[in-house]
Protein backbone atom coordinates (compact mmCIF):
# COMPACT_ATOMS: atom_id res chain seq x y z
CA MET A 1 15.21 26.93 -8.51
CA ALA A 2 15.24 23.14 -8.55
CA ARG A 3 16.97 21.14 -11.25
CA LYS A 4 14.93 18.93 -13.52
CA LYS A 5 15.27 15.19 -13.17
CA SER A 6 16.42 13.27 -16.21
CA LYS A 7 13.80 11.46 -18.23
CA GLU A 8 15.28 8.07 -17.29
CA LYS A 9 15.05 8.81 -13.56
CA VAL A 10 11.46 9.98 -13.88
CA GLU A 11 10.49 6.85 -15.83
CA LYS A 12 12.24 4.64 -13.27
CA ILE A 13 10.36 6.28 -10.38
CA ILE A 14 7.03 6.03 -12.20
CA ASN A 15 7.59 2.34 -12.98
CA GLU A 16 8.46 1.61 -9.35
CA ILE A 17 5.22 3.24 -8.22
CA LYS A 18 3.14 1.42 -10.84
CA ASN A 19 4.69 -1.98 -10.09
CA SER A 20 4.45 -1.76 -6.29
CA LYS A 21 1.27 -3.64 -5.50
CA PRO A 22 -0.10 -4.00 -1.98
CA LYS A 23 0.06 -7.55 -0.66
CA PHE A 24 -2.94 -7.49 1.67
CA LYS A 25 -6.51 -6.19 1.54
CA LEU A 26 -8.20 -5.81 4.88
CA GLN A 27 -11.90 -5.12 5.26
CA LEU A 28 -12.46 -3.23 8.51
CA ASP A 29 -16.23 -3.02 8.14
CA ASN A 30 -18.69 -3.23 5.25
CA LYS A 31 -17.78 0.30 4.10
CA THR A 32 -14.04 0.44 4.76
CA THR A 33 -11.36 -1.56 2.98
CA ILE A 34 -7.65 -0.78 3.22
CA THR A 35 -4.57 -2.11 1.42
CA LEU A 36 -1.35 -2.95 3.22
CA LYS A 37 2.14 -3.77 1.99
CA THR A 38 3.79 -5.48 4.96
CA GLN A 39 2.98 -8.13 7.54
CA GLU A 40 3.81 -5.67 10.34
CA GLN A 41 1.14 -3.27 9.09
CA LEU A 42 -1.33 -6.15 8.92
CA ASN A 43 -0.57 -7.19 12.51
CA LYS A 44 -1.00 -3.61 13.75
CA TRP A 45 -4.38 -3.19 12.04
CA MET A 46 -5.59 -6.58 13.24
CA GLU A 47 -4.81 -5.50 16.82
CA MET A 48 -6.81 -2.29 16.39
CA TYR A 49 -9.69 -4.01 14.55
CA PRO A 50 -9.99 -7.64 15.74
CA LYS A 51 -13.18 -8.17 13.69
CA ALA A 52 -11.47 -7.17 10.44
CA GLN A 53 -11.44 -9.71 7.62
CA LEU A 54 -8.45 -10.43 5.40
CA ILE A 55 -9.63 -10.42 1.77
CA SER A 56 -6.37 -11.27 -0.01
């Protein structure tokens, strides 16, 4: 049986998830938009989809 995490640890984890915002939005086609956190991810997706448009 797993131990419970303390309330402070749970709140810290939740706040990290809530405050982590993706840096890039990439529109692959008119139906598909993805969010990316790093420049490396952006470069990889731009190689796979050269017609993709960077939204922000």
